[in-house]
Amino acid sequence: MRSMSGLGYYEYMGDAAYTLSTTGTCNRETLDTYLVKKERGCFLLGGPPLPDCLNVDACASFRYDVDLFSDPALRDVVTAALQRPCDYLTPPAQVKHWDATANFGMAAISNWRILQCDGKQVFSTSIEFNDADAVVRVRFARGA
């Protein structure tokens, strides 16, 4: 969101961050409907996770739209956010409804805590895009 508008997600989306219904993985059309028109949400990276890449194993896997991710600028921004997610999250103290569930299923405070943004932050150790299968695998660790 910051790369597109200069604003954080909650700042840009306003109340739509909590009220839009969100379905499916974004493609070019649904991304516009989500981020420009603010009519219906979608997931840049969606599930379900691959059985051989689970959080318990310090791995996360997501499906994505290959055509959408053929845009190098989008892929670069998403890669950077996966590398250091806390750098891209809005601190909960700056979010109006910090403990309310957003349309993507998590509250700002939950994301902040899960990624341990106040301490030994979670970061990626590798990111592998597989365009043939439209899957990205992210291995992660906690900072020292």
N, C-alpha and C. Protein backbone atom coordinates (compact mmCIF):
# COMPACT_ATOMS: atom_id res chain seq x y z
N MET A 1 0.81 -1.18 0.00
CA MET A 1 0.00 0.00 0.00
C MET A 1 0.87 1.26 0.00
N ARG A 2 1.93 1.22 0.81
CA ARG A 2 2.83 2.38 0.88
C ARG A 2 3.45 2.69 -0.48
N SER A 3 3.83 1.66 -1.22
CA SER A 3 4.46 1.90 -2.51
C SER A 3 3.47 2.49 -3.52
N MET A 4 2.20 2.16 -3.36
CA MET A 4 1.18 2.63 -4.28
C MET A 4 0.69 4.04 -3.92
N SER A 5 0.50 4.28 -2.61
CA SER A 5 -0.16 5.52 -2.21
C SER A 5 0.66 6.39 -1.27
N GLY A 6 1.71 5.83 -0.69
CA GLY A 6 2.47 6.57 0.31
C GLY A 6 1.87 6.46 1.70
N LEU A 7 0.74 5.78 1.82
CA LEU A 7 0.06 5.61 3.10
C LEU A 7 0.11 4.15 3.53
N GLY A 8 0.01 3.91 4.82
CA GLY A 8 -0.10 2.55 5.33
C GLY A 8 -1.47 1.97 4.97
N TYR A 9 -1.62 0.66 5.09
CA TYR A 9 -2.85 -0.03 4.71
C TYR A 9 -4.08 0.55 5.40
N TYR A 10 -4.04 0.63 6.73
CA TYR A 10 -5.21 1.08 7.48
C TYR A 10 -5.52 2.55 7.21
N GLU A 11 -4.50 3.34 7.03
CA GLU A 11 -4.68 4.75 6.72
C GLU A 11 -5.35 4.91 5.35
N TYR A 12 -4.88 4.17 4.38
CA TYR A 12 -5.41 4.25 3.03
C TYR A 12 -6.82 3.67 2.93
N MET A 13 -7.03 2.51 3.51
CA MET A 13 -8.31 1.82 3.37
C MET A 13 -9.40 2.38 4.27
N GLY A 14 -9.03 3.00 5.39
CA GLY A 14 -10.04 3.53 6.31
C GLY A 14 -10.94 2.41 6.82
N ASP A 15 -12.22 2.69 6.96
CA ASP A 15 -13.15 1.68 7.48
C ASP A 15 -13.29 0.48 6.54
N ALA A 16 -12.96 0.65 5.26
CA ALA A 16 -13.05 -0.47 4.32
C ALA A 16 -12.12 -1.61 4.73
N ALA A 17 -11.07 -1.31 5.50
CA ALA A 17 -10.16 -2.37 5.98
C ALA A 17 -10.91 -3.39 6.84
N TYR A 18 -12.04 -2.98 7.42
CA TYR A 18 -12.80 -3.85 8.31
C TYR A 18 -14.14 -4.29 7.73
N THR A 19 -14.60 -3.64 6.69
CA THR A 19 -15.95 -3.91 6.21
C THR A 19 -16.03 -4.65 4.88
N LEU A 20 -14.98 -4.59 4.06
CA LEU A 20 -15.03 -5.28 2.77
C LEU A 20 -15.02 -6.79 2.95
N SER A 21 -15.80 -7.47 2.15
CA SER A 21 -15.66 -8.93 2.13
C SER A 21 -14.45 -9.25 1.26
N THR A 22 -13.76 -10.30 1.62
CA THR A 22 -12.52 -10.67 0.93
C THR A 22 -12.62 -12.11 0.47
N THR A 23 -12.44 -12.31 -0.84
CA THR A 23 -12.49 -13.66 -1.39
C THR A 23 -11.44 -13.82 -2.47
N GLY A 24 -10.89 -15.00 -2.55
CA GLY A 24 -10.02 -15.37 -3.65
C GLY A 24 -8.69 -14.64 -3.73
N THR A 25 -7.87 -15.16 -4.61
CA THR A 25 -6.56 -14.58 -4.87
C THR A 25 -6.71 -13.46 -5.89
N CYS A 26 -6.02 -12.36 -5.67
CA CYS A 26 -6.11 -11.20 -6.55
C CYS A 26 -5.57 -11.51 -7.95
N ASN A 27 -6.23 -10.96 -8.95
CA ASN A 27 -5.69 -10.86 -10.29
C ASN A 27 -5.71 -9.38 -10.65
N ARG A 28 -5.38 -9.01 -11.85
CA ARG A 28 -5.31 -7.58 -12.19
C ARG A 28 -6.65 -6.86 -11.97
N GLU A 29 -7.73 -7.50 -12.36
CA GLU A 29 -9.05 -6.88 -12.24
C GLU A 29 -9.49 -6.78 -10.78
N THR A 30 -9.35 -7.87 -10.03
CA THR A 30 -9.81 -7.84 -8.64
C THR A 30 -8.92 -6.98 -7.75
N LEU A 31 -7.65 -6.85 -8.10
CA LEU A 31 -6.77 -5.97 -7.33
C LEU A 31 -7.23 -4.52 -7.48
N ASP A 32 -7.63 -4.13 -8.68
CA ASP A 32 -8.15 -2.79 -8.92
C ASP A 32 -9.46 -2.59 -8.14
N THR A 33 -10.33 -3.58 -8.16
CA THR A 33 -11.59 -3.51 -7.42
C THR A 33 -11.33 -3.34 -5.92
N TYR A 34 -10.27 -3.97 -5.43
CA TYR A 34 -9.92 -3.91 -4.02
C TYR A 34 -9.24 -2.59 -3.65
N LEU A 35 -8.13 -2.30 -4.28
CA LEU A 35 -7.30 -1.20 -3.81
C LEU A 35 -7.65 0.16 -4.40
N VAL A 36 -8.30 0.19 -5.54
CA VAL A 36 -8.68 1.48 -6.13
C VAL A 36 -10.14 1.79 -5.83
N LYS A 37 -11.02 0.86 -6.15
CA LYS A 37 -12.45 1.09 -5.95
C LYS A 37 -12.92 0.79 -4.52
N LYS A 38 -12.16 -0.02 -3.80
CA LYS A 38 -12.49 -0.41 -2.42
C LYS A 38 -13.88 -1.05 -2.33
N GLU A 39 -14.17 -1.95 -3.30
CA GLU A 39 -15.48 -2.60 -3.35
C GLU A 39 -15.46 -4.03 -2.82
N ARG A 40 -14.40 -4.77 -3.09
CA ARG A 40 -14.30 -6.16 -2.63
C ARG A 40 -12.82 -6.49 -2.50
N GLY A 41 -12.49 -7.15 -1.40
CA GLY A 41 -11.10 -7.50 -1.15
C GLY A 41 -10.69 -8.79 -1.83
N CYS A 42 -9.38 -8.97 -1.94
CA CYS A 42 -8.80 -10.21 -2.44
C CYS A 42 -7.44 -10.37 -1.77
N PHE A 43 -6.84 -11.52 -1.92
CA PHE A 43 -5.55 -11.80 -1.30
C PHE A 43 -4.45 -11.79 -2.35
N LEU A 44 -3.42 -10.97 -2.16
CA LEU A 44 -2.27 -11.01 -3.06
C LEU A 44 -1.64 -12.39 -3.03
N LEU A 45 -1.53 -12.92 -1.83
CA LEU A 45 -1.01 -14.27 -1.60
C LEU A 45 -2.07 -15.03 -0.83
N GLY A 46 -2.50 -16.16 -1.37
CA GLY A 46 -3.57 -16.91 -0.74
C GLY A 46 -3.18 -18.33 -0.40
N GLY A 47 -4.11 -19.05 0.15
CA GLY A 47 -3.89 -20.41 0.58
C GLY A 47 -4.58 -21.38 -0.35
N PRO A 48 -4.68 -22.61 0.05
CA PRO A 48 -4.20 -23.16 1.32
C PRO A 48 -2.70 -23.44 1.28
N PRO A 49 -2.10 -23.60 2.46
CA PRO A 49 -0.66 -23.89 2.49
C PRO A 49 -0.36 -25.28 1.93
N LEU A 50 0.84 -25.43 1.42
CA LEU A 50 1.28 -26.73 0.93
C LEU A 50 1.59 -27.63 2.12
N PRO A 51 1.27 -28.91 2.05
CA PRO A 51 1.49 -29.79 3.20
C PRO A 51 2.97 -29.95 3.58
N ASP A 52 3.88 -29.68 2.65
CA ASP A 52 5.30 -29.82 2.97
C ASP A 52 5.95 -28.46 3.31
N CYS A 53 5.13 -27.44 3.56
CA CYS A 53 5.65 -26.11 3.89
C CYS A 53 4.68 -25.45 4.87
N LEU A 54 4.84 -25.79 6.15
CA LEU A 54 3.93 -25.31 7.19
C LEU A 54 4.65 -24.42 8.19
N ASN A 55 3.90 -23.54 8.83
CA ASN A 55 4.49 -22.62 9.82
C ASN A 55 5.28 -23.34 10.89
N VAL A 56 4.79 -24.48 11.33
CA VAL A 56 5.47 -25.24 12.38
C VAL A 56 6.88 -25.63 11.96
N ASP A 57 7.12 -25.70 10.65
CA ASP A 57 8.44 -26.04 10.11
C ASP A 57 9.20 -24.79 9.65
N ALA A 58 8.77 -23.61 10.12
CA ALA A 58 9.38 -22.33 9.73
C ALA A 58 9.29 -22.12 8.22
N CYS A 59 8.15 -22.48 7.67
CA CYS A 59 7.91 -22.34 6.25
C CYS A 59 6.47 -21.86 6.05
N ALA A 60 6.29 -20.99 5.08
CA ALA A 60 4.96 -20.55 4.70
C ALA A 60 4.86 -20.65 3.18
N SER A 61 3.72 -21.06 2.70
CA SER A 61 3.53 -21.18 1.26
C SER A 61 2.22 -20.50 0.88
N PHE A 62 2.24 -19.89 -0.29
CA PHE A 62 1.08 -19.14 -0.75
C PHE A 62 0.92 -19.33 -2.25
N ARG A 63 -0.31 -19.22 -2.70
CA ARG A 63 -0.61 -19.22 -4.13
C ARG A 63 -0.76 -17.77 -4.59
N TYR A 64 -0.48 -17.52 -5.85
CA TYR A 64 -0.59 -16.17 -6.39
C TYR A 64 -0.96 -16.23 -7.86
N ASP A 65 -1.40 -15.11 -8.39
CA ASP A 65 -1.73 -15.01 -9.80
C ASP A 65 -0.45 -14.69 -10.58
N VAL A 66 -0.04 -15.58 -11.44
CA VAL A 66 1.23 -15.45 -12.17
C VAL A 66 1.22 -14.21 -13.05
N ASP A 67 0.11 -13.93 -13.71
CA ASP A 67 0.04 -12.74 -14.56
C ASP A 67 0.23 -11.47 -13.73
N LEU A 68 -0.43 -11.38 -12.61
CA LEU A 68 -0.30 -10.21 -11.74
C LEU A 68 1.14 -10.05 -11.26
N PHE A 69 1.75 -11.16 -10.87
CA PHE A 69 3.12 -11.12 -10.35
C PHE A 69 4.18 -11.07 -11.45
N SER A 70 3.76 -11.00 -12.70
CA SER A 70 4.73 -10.78 -13.78
C SER A 70 5.18 -9.32 -13.80
N ASP A 71 4.47 -8.47 -13.07
CA ASP A 71 4.87 -7.06 -12.93
C ASP A 71 6.05 -7.00 -11.96
N PRO A 72 7.24 -6.66 -12.43
CA PRO A 72 8.43 -6.67 -11.57
C PRO A 72 8.31 -5.74 -10.36
N ALA A 73 7.64 -4.62 -10.52
CA ALA A 73 7.50 -3.68 -9.40
C ALA A 73 6.67 -4.30 -8.28
N LEU A 74 5.58 -4.97 -8.64
CA LEU A 74 4.75 -5.63 -7.62
C LEU A 74 5.52 -6.76 -6.96
N ARG A 75 6.17 -7.59 -7.76
CA ARG A 75 6.93 -8.71 -7.19
C ARG A 75 8.02 -8.21 -6.26
N ASP A 76 8.70 -7.13 -6.64
CA ASP A 76 9.77 -6.58 -5.79
C ASP A 76 9.23 -6.08 -4.45
N VAL A 77 8.09 -5.39 -4.47
CA VAL A 77 7.50 -4.88 -3.23
C VAL A 77 7.06 -6.03 -2.34
N VAL A 78 6.40 -7.02 -2.91
CA VAL A 78 5.94 -8.17 -2.13
C VAL A 78 7.15 -8.93 -1.57
N THR A 79 8.18 -9.11 -2.37
CA THR A 79 9.39 -9.80 -1.89
C THR A 79 10.01 -9.05 -0.72
N ALA A 80 10.12 -7.74 -0.83
CA ALA A 80 10.69 -6.94 0.26
C ALA A 80 9.85 -7.07 1.52
N ALA A 81 8.53 -7.07 1.38
CA ALA A 81 7.66 -7.20 2.54
C ALA A 81 7.76 -8.59 3.17
N LEU A 82 7.96 -9.62 2.35
CA LEU A 82 8.15 -10.97 2.90
C LEU A 82 9.50 -11.10 3.59
N GLN A 83 10.49 -10.38 3.09
CA GLN A 83 11.83 -10.45 3.70
C GLN A 83 11.83 -9.86 5.11
N ARG A 84 11.21 -8.71 5.29
CA ARG A 84 11.20 -8.01 6.58
C ARG A 84 9.79 -7.49 6.85
N PRO A 85 8.85 -8.38 7.20
CA PRO A 85 7.44 -7.98 7.31
C PRO A 85 7.18 -6.86 8.31
N CYS A 86 7.89 -6.81 9.40
CA CYS A 86 7.64 -5.76 10.40
C CYS A 86 7.91 -4.37 9.84
N ASP A 87 8.81 -4.26 8.88
CA ASP A 87 9.10 -2.97 8.26
C ASP A 87 7.91 -2.45 7.45
N TYR A 88 6.98 -3.34 7.11
CA TYR A 88 5.85 -2.98 6.25
C TYR A 88 4.53 -2.91 6.99
N LEU A 89 4.51 -3.33 8.24
CA LEU A 89 3.28 -3.27 9.02
C LEU A 89 3.15 -1.91 9.71
N THR A 90 1.92 -1.46 9.85
CA THR A 90 1.65 -0.25 10.62
C THR A 90 1.64 -0.63 12.09
N PRO A 91 2.41 0.05 12.93
CA PRO A 91 2.38 -0.26 14.36
C PRO A 91 0.96 -0.14 14.90
N PRO A 92 0.51 -1.09 15.71
CA PRO A 92 -0.87 -1.08 16.20
C PRO A 92 -1.28 0.23 16.88
N ALA A 93 -0.35 0.89 17.55
CA ALA A 93 -0.67 2.17 18.22
C ALA A 93 -1.12 3.23 17.22
N GLN A 94 -0.79 3.05 15.93
CA GLN A 94 -1.17 4.02 14.89
C GLN A 94 -2.43 3.60 14.13
N VAL A 95 -3.05 2.51 14.56
CA VAL A 95 -4.24 1.98 13.89
C VAL A 95 -5.46 2.29 14.75
N LYS A 96 -6.46 2.91 14.16
CA LYS A 96 -7.67 3.32 14.88
C LYS A 96 -8.31 2.14 15.62
N HIS A 97 -8.52 1.04 14.92
CA HIS A 97 -9.15 -0.15 15.51
C HIS A 97 -8.11 -1.27 15.60
N TRP A 98 -7.06 -1.07 16.36
CA TRP A 98 -5.91 -1.96 16.41
C TRP A 98 -6.23 -3.40 16.81
N ASP A 99 -7.34 -3.59 17.55
CA ASP A 99 -7.67 -4.95 17.99
C ASP A 99 -8.87 -5.54 17.25
N ALA A 100 -9.37 -4.84 16.23
CA ALA A 100 -10.50 -5.33 15.44
C ALA A 100 -9.98 -6.16 14.27
N THR A 101 -10.71 -7.19 13.95
CA THR A 101 -10.31 -8.05 12.83
C THR A 101 -10.50 -7.31 11.51
N ALA A 102 -9.44 -7.24 10.74
CA ALA A 102 -9.51 -6.61 9.41
C ALA A 102 -10.09 -7.60 8.42
N ASN A 103 -10.38 -7.12 7.21
CA ASN A 103 -11.06 -7.97 6.23
C ASN A 103 -10.22 -9.15 5.76
N PHE A 104 -8.92 -9.18 6.05
CA PHE A 104 -8.10 -10.32 5.66
C PHE A 104 -7.95 -11.32 6.80
N GLY A 105 -8.71 -11.12 7.89
CA GLY A 105 -8.81 -12.12 8.94
C GLY A 105 -7.94 -11.92 10.17
N MET A 106 -7.20 -10.83 10.26
CA MET A 106 -6.32 -10.61 11.41
C MET A 106 -6.45 -9.16 11.89
N ALA A 107 -6.28 -8.97 13.18
CA ALA A 107 -6.21 -7.63 13.75
C ALA A 107 -4.76 -7.13 13.64
N ALA A 108 -4.59 -5.83 13.58
CA ALA A 108 -3.24 -5.24 13.49
C ALA A 108 -2.36 -5.73 14.63
N ILE A 109 -2.90 -5.80 15.83
CA ILE A 109 -2.10 -6.23 16.98
C ILE A 109 -1.70 -7.70 16.84
N SER A 110 -2.56 -8.52 16.25
CA SER A 110 -2.24 -9.94 16.08
C SER A 110 -1.06 -10.14 15.13
N ASN A 111 -1.10 -9.46 13.99
CA ASN A 111 0.03 -9.55 13.05
C ASN A 111 1.32 -9.09 13.71
N TRP A 112 1.25 -7.98 14.44
CA TRP A 112 2.41 -7.41 15.11
C TRP A 112 3.02 -8.42 16.09
N ARG A 113 2.14 -9.09 16.85
CA ARG A 113 2.60 -10.06 17.86
C ARG A 113 3.14 -11.34 17.21
N ILE A 114 2.43 -11.86 16.22
CA ILE A 114 2.85 -13.10 15.56
C ILE A 114 4.24 -12.94 14.96
N LEU A 115 4.49 -11.77 14.38
CA LEU A 115 5.79 -11.52 13.74
C LEU A 115 6.82 -10.95 14.71
N GLN A 116 6.43 -10.84 15.98
CA GLN A 116 7.32 -10.41 17.07
C GLN A 116 8.01 -9.08 16.74
N CYS A 117 7.21 -8.13 16.27
CA CYS A 117 7.76 -6.85 15.81
C CYS A 117 8.34 -5.99 16.93
N ASP A 118 7.99 -6.26 18.17
CA ASP A 118 8.57 -5.50 19.29
C ASP A 118 9.83 -6.15 19.84
N GLY A 119 10.27 -7.22 19.24
CA GLY A 119 11.45 -7.92 19.78
C GLY A 119 12.29 -8.54 18.68
N LYS A 120 12.47 -9.85 18.78
CA LYS A 120 13.29 -10.58 17.81
C LYS A 120 12.43 -10.90 16.59
N GLN A 121 12.33 -9.93 15.71
CA GLN A 121 11.42 -9.98 14.58
C GLN A 121 11.62 -11.19 13.67
N VAL A 122 10.50 -11.65 13.14
CA VAL A 122 10.52 -12.72 12.15
C VAL A 122 10.95 -12.12 10.81
N PHE A 123 11.81 -12.83 10.10
CA PHE A 123 12.27 -12.40 8.78
C PHE A 123 12.43 -13.64 7.91
N SER A 124 12.47 -13.45 6.61
CA SER A 124 12.62 -14.61 5.73
C SER A 124 14.09 -14.94 5.53
N THR A 125 14.36 -16.22 5.40
CA THR A 125 15.71 -16.68 5.08
C THR A 125 15.81 -17.08 3.61
N SER A 126 14.66 -17.35 2.99
CA SER A 126 14.62 -17.60 1.54
C SER A 126 13.20 -17.41 1.04
N ILE A 127 13.11 -16.96 -0.20
CA ILE A 127 11.82 -16.78 -0.87
C ILE A 127 11.97 -17.38 -2.26
N GLU A 128 11.12 -18.35 -2.57
CA GLU A 128 11.20 -19.03 -3.86
C GLU A 128 9.86 -18.94 -4.59
N PHE A 129 9.82 -18.16 -5.66
CA PHE A 129 8.64 -18.09 -6.52
C PHE A 129 8.73 -19.21 -7.54
N ASN A 130 7.65 -19.96 -7.70
CA ASN A 130 7.56 -21.00 -8.71
C ASN A 130 6.39 -20.65 -9.61
N ASP A 131 6.67 -19.96 -10.70
CA ASP A 131 5.61 -19.51 -11.60
C ASP A 131 4.89 -20.66 -12.28
N ALA A 132 5.55 -21.78 -12.47
CA ALA A 132 4.90 -22.93 -13.10
C ALA A 132 3.74 -23.45 -12.26
N ASP A 133 3.90 -23.42 -10.93
CA ASP A 133 2.86 -23.88 -10.02
C ASP A 133 2.10 -22.74 -9.36
N ALA A 134 2.52 -21.49 -9.61
CA ALA A 134 1.92 -20.29 -9.00
C ALA A 134 1.96 -20.37 -7.47
N VAL A 135 3.12 -20.77 -6.96
CA VAL A 135 3.31 -20.93 -5.51
C VAL A 135 4.61 -20.25 -5.10
N VAL A 136 4.56 -19.54 -3.99
CA VAL A 136 5.77 -19.00 -3.39
C VAL A 136 5.96 -19.67 -2.03
N ARG A 137 7.22 -20.05 -1.77
CA ARG A 137 7.58 -20.65 -0.48
C ARG A 137 8.51 -19.68 0.23
N VAL A 138 8.21 -19.45 1.49
CA VAL A 138 9.00 -18.54 2.30
C VAL A 138 9.48 -19.30 3.53
N ARG A 139 10.78 -19.39 3.68
CA ARG A 139 11.36 -19.96 4.91
C ARG A 139 11.67 -18.77 5.81
N PHE A 140 11.43 -18.93 7.09
CA PHE A 140 11.62 -17.80 7.99
C PHE A 140 12.30 -18.20 9.28
N ALA A 141 12.78 -17.18 9.97
CA ALA A 141 13.44 -17.38 11.27
C ALA A 141 13.15 -16.15 12.12
N ARG A 142 13.50 -16.26 13.38
CA ARG A 142 13.35 -15.14 14.31
C ARG A 142 14.72 -14.53 14.53
N GLY A 143 14.76 -13.20 14.60
CA GLY A 143 16.03 -12.51 14.79
C GLY A 143 16.69 -12.86 16.10
N ALA A 144 17.98 -12.59 16.18
CA ALA A 144 18.73 -12.90 17.39
C ALA A 144 18.74 -11.72 18.34
